[in-house]
Amino acid sequence: MDSEDSTPEEVRRATDACLRLLSARARSRHELLTVLERKGFSEPVREKALAQVEGWGYLDDERFARERAAVLLQRGKYGPRAVQQRLEAHGLSREAASEAVATASGEVEFDAEAAARQVLERRGLLGRKLEPKEAARAGRLLFSRGFSSDVIQRVLGDAALEPSGPED
């Protein structure tokens, strides 16, 4: 039996709130749950609203993760590790986020080296010989953007990972 605050009207209001949020952009179940909780809807109302929206096909965490990963990878600002972390911040499990990144990487034909070069080019760190400190800074930038050490080494060379640069 429904509790007092699990009335059809409350469920409709919570469902409408979900639909408004989803009309702006795709969201994860965790995001919607957090917003509904913040708006003061009870747990039974939140669950019924999310089940309804999910039943209509508007809420699908796997699809959300694949699409979000594809968008982030295509922008060329982040490497796979950073994209995975962003998906996890949306409430997805590590496994689901990792799988979405792998799938999206194949779909968008993500080239990590080209993306890393694009990041460096935007910062004016590509196309010229970098001083040792600049190379180290470029390496740290790429690492912070989620690029693997292998990609960083291929783009910058081994010297980029040494904080003091190569020894003469």
C-alpha atoms as a PDB file:
ATOM      1  CA  MET A   1       0.000   0.000   0.000  1.00  0.00           C
ATOM      2  CA  ASP A   2       1.246   3.507  -0.851  1.00  0.00           C
ATOM      3  CA  SER A   3       2.336   5.768   1.935  1.00  0.00           C
ATOM      4  CA  GLU A   4       0.826   9.229   2.325  1.00  0.00           C
ATOM      5  CA  ASP A   5       3.612  10.919   0.345  1.00  0.00           C
ATOM      6  CA  SER A   6       3.580   8.295  -2.427  1.00  0.00           C
ATOM      7  CA  THR A   7       0.400   9.612  -4.002  1.00  0.00           C
ATOM      8  CA  PRO A   8      -0.099   9.515  -7.769  1.00  0.00           C
ATOM      9  CA  GLU A   9       0.193  13.321  -7.758  1.00  0.00           C
ATOM     10  CA  GLU A  10       3.623  13.185  -6.079  1.00  0.00           C
ATOM     11  CA  VAL A  11       4.806  10.513  -8.509  1.00  0.00           C
ATOM     12  CA  ARG A  12       3.575  12.640 -11.436  1.00  0.00           C
ATOM     13  CA  ARG A  13       5.430  15.692 -10.107  1.00  0.00           C
ATOM     14  CA  ALA A  14       8.637  13.673  -9.665  1.00  0.00           C
ATOM     15  CA  THR A  15       8.225  12.146 -13.137  1.00  0.00           C
ATOM     16  CA  ASP A  16       7.695  15.601 -14.644  1.00  0.00           C
ATOM     17  CA  ALA A  17      10.870  16.816 -12.924  1.00  0.00           C
ATOM     18  CA  CYS A  18      12.791  13.899 -14.462  1.00  0.00           C
ATOM     19  CA  LEU A  19      11.384  14.608 -17.914  1.00  0.00           C
ATOM     20  CA  ARG A  20      12.337  18.282 -17.673  1.00  0.00           C
ATOM     21  CA  LEU A  21      15.903  17.357 -16.776  1.00  0.00           C
ATOM     22  CA  LEU A  22      16.106  14.739 -19.507  1.00  0.00           C
ATOM     23  CA  SER A  23      14.772  17.169 -22.112  1.00  0.00           C
ATOM     24  CA  ALA A  24      17.887  19.317 -21.583  1.00  0.00           C
ATOM     25  CA  ARG A  25      20.379  16.420 -21.884  1.00  0.00           C
ATOM     26  CA  ALA A  26      20.764  12.731 -21.145  1.00  0.00           C
ATOM     27  CA  ARG A  27      21.381  11.910 -17.516  1.00  0.00           C
ATOM     28  CA  SER A  28      22.246   8.875 -15.444  1.00  0.00           C
ATOM     29  CA  ARG A  29      19.874   7.238 -12.994  1.00  0.00           C
ATOM     30  CA  HIS A  30      22.143   8.414 -10.167  1.00  0.00           C
ATOM     31  CA  GLU A  31      21.892  12.051 -11.302  1.00  0.00           C
ATOM     32  CA  LEU A  32      18.088  11.941 -11.450  1.00  0.00           C
ATOM     33  CA  LEU A  33      17.881  10.180  -8.105  1.00  0.00           C
ATOM     34  CA  THR A  34      20.088  12.850  -6.527  1.00  0.00           C
ATOM     35  CA  VAL A  35      17.987  15.694  -7.940  1.00  0.00           C
ATOM     36  CA  LEU A  36      14.711  14.092  -6.803  1.00  0.00           C
ATOM     37  CA  GLU A  37      16.150  13.518  -3.349  1.00  0.00           C
ATOM     38  CA  ARG A  38      17.302  17.144  -3.169  1.00  0.00           C
ATOM     39  CA  LYS A  39      13.799  18.266  -4.167  1.00  0.00           C
ATOM     40  CA  GLY A  40      12.427  16.377  -1.169  1.00  0.00           C
ATOM     41  CA  PHE A  41      10.635  13.460  -2.828  1.00  0.00           C
ATOM     42  CA  SER A  42      10.370  10.339  -0.689  1.00  0.00           C
ATOM     43  CA  GLU A  43      12.169   7.151  -1.674  1.00  0.00           C
ATOM     44  CA  PRO A  44       9.021   5.350  -2.892  1.00  0.00           C
ATOM     45  CA  VAL A  45       8.090   8.347  -5.054  1.00  0.00           C
ATOM     46  CA  ARG A  46      11.627   8.596  -6.477  1.00  0.00           C
ATOM     47  CA  GLU A  47      11.723   4.901  -7.331  1.00  0.00           C
ATOM     48  CA  LYS A  48       8.273   4.942  -8.975  1.00  0.00           C
ATOM     49  CA  ALA A  49       9.118   8.021 -11.035  1.00  0.00           C
ATOM     50  CA  LEU A  50      12.446   6.575 -12.179  1.00  0.00           C
ATOM     51  CA  ALA A  51      10.815   3.241 -13.021  1.00  0.00           C
ATOM     52  CA  GLN A  52       8.238   5.051 -15.120  1.00  0.00           C
ATOM     53  CA  VAL A  53      10.797   7.142 -17.005  1.00  0.00           C
ATOM     54  CA  GLU A  54      12.963   4.050 -17.481  1.00  0.00           C
ATOM     55  CA  GLY A  55       9.967   2.085 -18.752  1.00  0.00           C
ATOM     56  CA  TRP A  56       9.356   4.738 -21.396  1.00  0.00           C
ATOM     57  CA  GLY A  57      12.967   4.350 -22.580  1.00  0.00           C
ATOM     58  CA  TYR A  58      14.128   7.810 -21.518  1.00  0.00           C
ATOM     59  CA  LEU A  59      16.522   6.515 -18.864  1.00  0.00           C
ATOM     60  CA  ASP A  60      19.180   3.994 -19.832  1.00  0.00           C
ATOM     61  CA  ASP A  61      22.525   4.162 -18.022  1.00  0.00           C
ATOM     62  CA  GLU A  62      24.348   2.005 -20.583  1.00  0.00           C
ATOM     63  CA  ARG A  63      23.223   4.192 -23.488  1.00  0.00           C
ATOM     64  CA  PHE A  64      23.982   7.337 -21.471  1.00  0.00           C
ATOM     65  CA  ALA A  65      27.500   6.084 -20.705  1.00  0.00           C
ATOM     66  CA  ARG A  66      28.274   5.146 -24.332  1.00  0.00           C
ATOM     67  CA  GLU A  67      26.951   8.445 -25.700  1.00  0.00           C
ATOM     68  CA  ARG A  68      28.674  10.575 -23.056  1.00  0.00           C
ATOM     69  CA  ALA A  69      31.972   8.727 -23.542  1.00  0.00           C
ATOM     70  CA  ALA A  70      31.742   9.202 -27.322  1.00  0.00           C
ATOM     71  CA  VAL A  71      31.109  12.941 -26.954  1.00  0.00           C
ATOM     72  CA  LEU A  72      33.989  13.423 -24.524  1.00  0.00           C
ATOM     73  CA  LEU A  73      36.407  11.390 -26.633  1.00  0.00           C
ATOM     74  CA  GLN A  74      35.425  13.178 -29.844  1.00  0.00           C
ATOM     75  CA  ARG A  75      36.118  16.571 -28.282  1.00  0.00           C
ATOM     76  CA  GLY A  76      39.743  15.543 -27.985  1.00  0.00           C
ATOM     77  CA  LYS A  77      40.291  17.175 -24.597  1.00  0.00           C
ATOM     78  CA  TYR A  78      40.482  13.991 -22.527  1.00  0.00           C
ATOM     79  CA  GLY A  79      42.048  10.574 -22.648  1.00  0.00           C
ATOM     80  CA  PRO A  80      40.217   7.367 -21.820  1.00  0.00           C
ATOM     81  CA  ARG A  81      41.102   7.389 -18.105  1.00  0.00           C
ATOM     82  CA  ALA A  82      39.664  10.881 -17.591  1.00  0.00           C
ATOM     83  CA  VAL A  83      36.498  10.000 -19.518  1.00  0.00           C
ATOM     84  CA  GLN A  84      36.041   6.932 -17.345  1.00  0.00           C
ATOM     85  CA  GLN A  85      36.446   9.040 -14.199  1.00  0.00           C
ATOM     86  CA  ARG A  86      33.811  11.477 -15.447  1.00  0.00           C
ATOM     87  CA  LEU A  87      31.378   8.633 -16.072  1.00  0.00           C
ATOM     88  CA  GLU A  88      32.020   7.280 -12.594  1.00  0.00           C
ATOM     89  CA  ALA A  89      31.236  10.762 -11.243  1.00  0.00           C
ATOM     90  CA  HIS A  90      27.813  10.400 -12.887  1.00  0.00           C
ATOM     91  CA  GLY A  91      27.219   7.395 -10.630  1.00  0.00           C
ATOM     92  CA  LEU A  92      28.189   4.602 -13.015  1.00  0.00           C
ATOM     93  CA  SER A  93      30.180   1.615 -11.796  1.00  0.00           C
ATOM     94  CA  ARG A  94      33.840   1.313 -12.715  1.00  0.00           C
ATOM     95  CA  GLU A  95      33.035  -1.691 -14.921  1.00  0.00           C
ATOM     96  CA  ALA A  96      30.161   0.053 -16.744  1.00  0.00           C
ATOM     97  CA  ALA A  97      32.251   3.173 -17.284  1.00  0.00           C
ATOM     98  CA  SER A  98      35.231   1.172 -18.554  1.00  0.00           C
ATOM     99  CA  GLU A  99      33.052  -0.811 -20.949  1.00  0.00           C
ATOM    100  CA  ALA A 100      31.407   2.375 -22.243  1.00  0.00           C
ATOM    101  CA  VAL A 101      34.794   4.000 -22.888  1.00  0.00           C
ATOM    102  CA  ALA A 102      36.044   0.919 -24.734  1.00  0.00           C
ATOM    103  CA  THR A 103      32.890   0.738 -26.864  1.00  0.00           C
ATOM    104  CA  ALA A 104      32.879   4.471 -27.599  1.00  0.00           C
ATOM    105  CA  SER A 105      36.601   4.439 -28.453  1.00  0.00           C
ATOM    106  CA  GLY A 106      35.910   1.920 -31.188  1.00  0.00           C
ATOM    107  CA  GLU A 107      32.789   3.676 -32.441  1.00  0.00           C
ATOM    108  CA  VAL A 108      34.440   7.078 -32.804  1.00  0.00           C
ATOM    109  CA  GLU A 109      37.788   5.581 -33.858  1.00  0.00           C
ATOM    110  CA  PHE A 110      39.513   7.407 -31.008  1.00  0.00           C
ATOM    111  CA  ASP A 111      43.220   8.002 -31.597  1.00  0.00           C
ATOM    112  CA  ALA A 112      44.815   8.742 -28.224  1.00  0.00           C
ATOM    113  CA  GLU A 113      48.036  10.090 -29.732  1.00  0.00           C
ATOM    114  CA  ALA A 114      46.195  12.489 -32.031  1.00  0.00           C
ATOM    115  CA  ALA A 115      44.038  13.670 -29.124  1.00  0.00           C
ATOM    116  CA  ALA A 116      47.121  14.187 -26.935  1.00  0.00           C
ATOM    117  CA  ARG A 117      48.771  16.206 -29.698  1.00  0.00           C
ATOM    118  CA  GLN A 118      45.587  18.288 -30.001  1.00  0.00           C
ATOM    119  CA  VAL A 119      45.702  19.062 -26.265  1.00  0.00           C
ATOM    120  CA  LEU A 120      49.321  20.162 -26.562  1.00  0.00           C
ATOM    121  CA  GLU A 121      48.634  22.207 -29.683  1.00  0.00           C
ATOM    122  CA  ARG A 122      45.902  24.156 -27.876  1.00  0.00           C
ATOM    123  CA  ARG A 123      48.468  25.056 -25.220  1.00  0.00           C
ATOM    124  CA  GLY A 124      51.167  26.020 -27.714  1.00  0.00           C
ATOM    125  CA  LEU A 125      53.308  23.066 -26.695  1.00  0.00           C
ATOM    126  CA  LEU A 126      53.475  21.313 -30.044  1.00  0.00           C
ATOM    127  CA  GLY A 127      55.598  21.876 -33.119  1.00  0.00           C
ATOM    128  CA  ARG A 128      58.689  23.131 -31.379  1.00  0.00           C
ATOM    129  CA  LYS A 129      61.470  21.802 -29.192  1.00  0.00           C
ATOM    130  CA  LEU A 130      60.395  22.024 -25.578  1.00  0.00           C
ATOM    131  CA  GLU A 131      62.695  22.970 -22.754  1.00  0.00           C
ATOM    132  CA  PRO A 132      62.967  20.221 -20.119  1.00  0.00           C
ATOM    133  CA  LYS A 133      60.613  21.972 -17.683  1.00  0.00           C
ATOM    134  CA  GLU A 134      58.084  22.620 -20.456  1.00  0.00           C
ATOM    135  CA  ALA A 135      58.240  18.980 -21.521  1.00  0.00           C
ATOM    136  CA  ALA A 136      57.648  17.860 -17.945  1.00  0.00           C
ATOM    137  CA  ARG A 137      54.721  20.292 -17.656  1.00  0.00           C
ATOM    138  CA  ALA A 138      53.299  18.965 -20.949  1.00  0.00           C
ATOM    139  CA  GLY A 139      53.618  15.412 -19.637  1.00  0.00           C
ATOM    140  CA  ARG A 140      51.816  16.291 -16.419  1.00  0.00           C
ATOM    141  CA  LEU A 141      49.079  18.043 -18.418  1.00  0.00           C
ATOM    142  CA  LEU A 142      48.497  14.989 -20.573  1.00  0.00           C
ATOM    143  CA  PHE A 143      48.542  12.699 -17.542  1.00  0.00           C
ATOM    144  CA  SER A 144      45.979  14.909 -15.782  1.00  0.00           C
ATOM    145  CA  ARG A 145      43.790  14.710 -18.890  1.00  0.00           C
ATOM    146  CA  GLY A 146      43.686  10.931 -18.684  1.00  0.00           C
ATOM    147  CA  PHE A 147      46.309   9.886 -21.212  1.00  0.00           C
ATOM    148  CA  SER A 148      48.406   6.813 -20.465  1.00  0.00           C
ATOM    149  CA  SER A 149      52.156   6.955 -19.866  1.00  0.00           C
ATOM    150  CA  ASP A 150      52.666   5.052 -23.128  1.00  0.00           C
ATOM    151  CA  VAL A 151      50.818   7.698 -25.130  1.00  0.00           C
ATOM    152  CA  ILE A 152      52.670  10.509 -23.343  1.00  0.00           C
ATOM    153  CA  GLN A 153      56.020   8.876 -24.097  1.00  0.00           C
ATOM    154  CA  ARG A 154      55.132   8.396 -27.767  1.00  0.00           C
ATOM    155  CA  VAL A 155      54.001  12.011 -28.104  1.00  0.00           C
ATOM    156  CA  LEU A 156      56.722  13.703 -26.047  1.00  0.00           C
ATOM    157  CA  GLY A 157      59.475  11.137 -25.676  1.00  0.00           C
ATOM    158  CA  ASP A 158      60.959   9.729 -22.476  1.00  0.00           C
ATOM    159  CA  ALA A 159      62.407  13.089 -21.424  1.00  0.00           C
ATOM    160  CA  ALA A 160      58.927  14.495 -20.843  1.00  0.00           C
ATOM    161  CA  LEU A 161      58.406  12.273 -17.823  1.00  0.00           C
ATOM    162  CA  GLU A 162      61.555  13.388 -16.075  1.00  0.00           C
ATOM    163  CA  PRO A 163      60.842  16.406 -13.870  1.00  0.00           C
ATOM    164  CA  SER A 164      64.292  17.890 -14.461  1.00  0.00           C
ATOM    165  CA  GLY A 165      64.505  16.897 -18.122  1.00  0.00           C
ATOM    166  CA  PRO A 166      67.132  14.804 -19.845  1.00  0.00           C
ATOM    167  CA  GLU A 167      70.615  14.619 -18.464  1.00  0.00           C
ATOM    168  CA  ASP A 168      73.343  16.018 -20.691  1.00  0.00           C
END
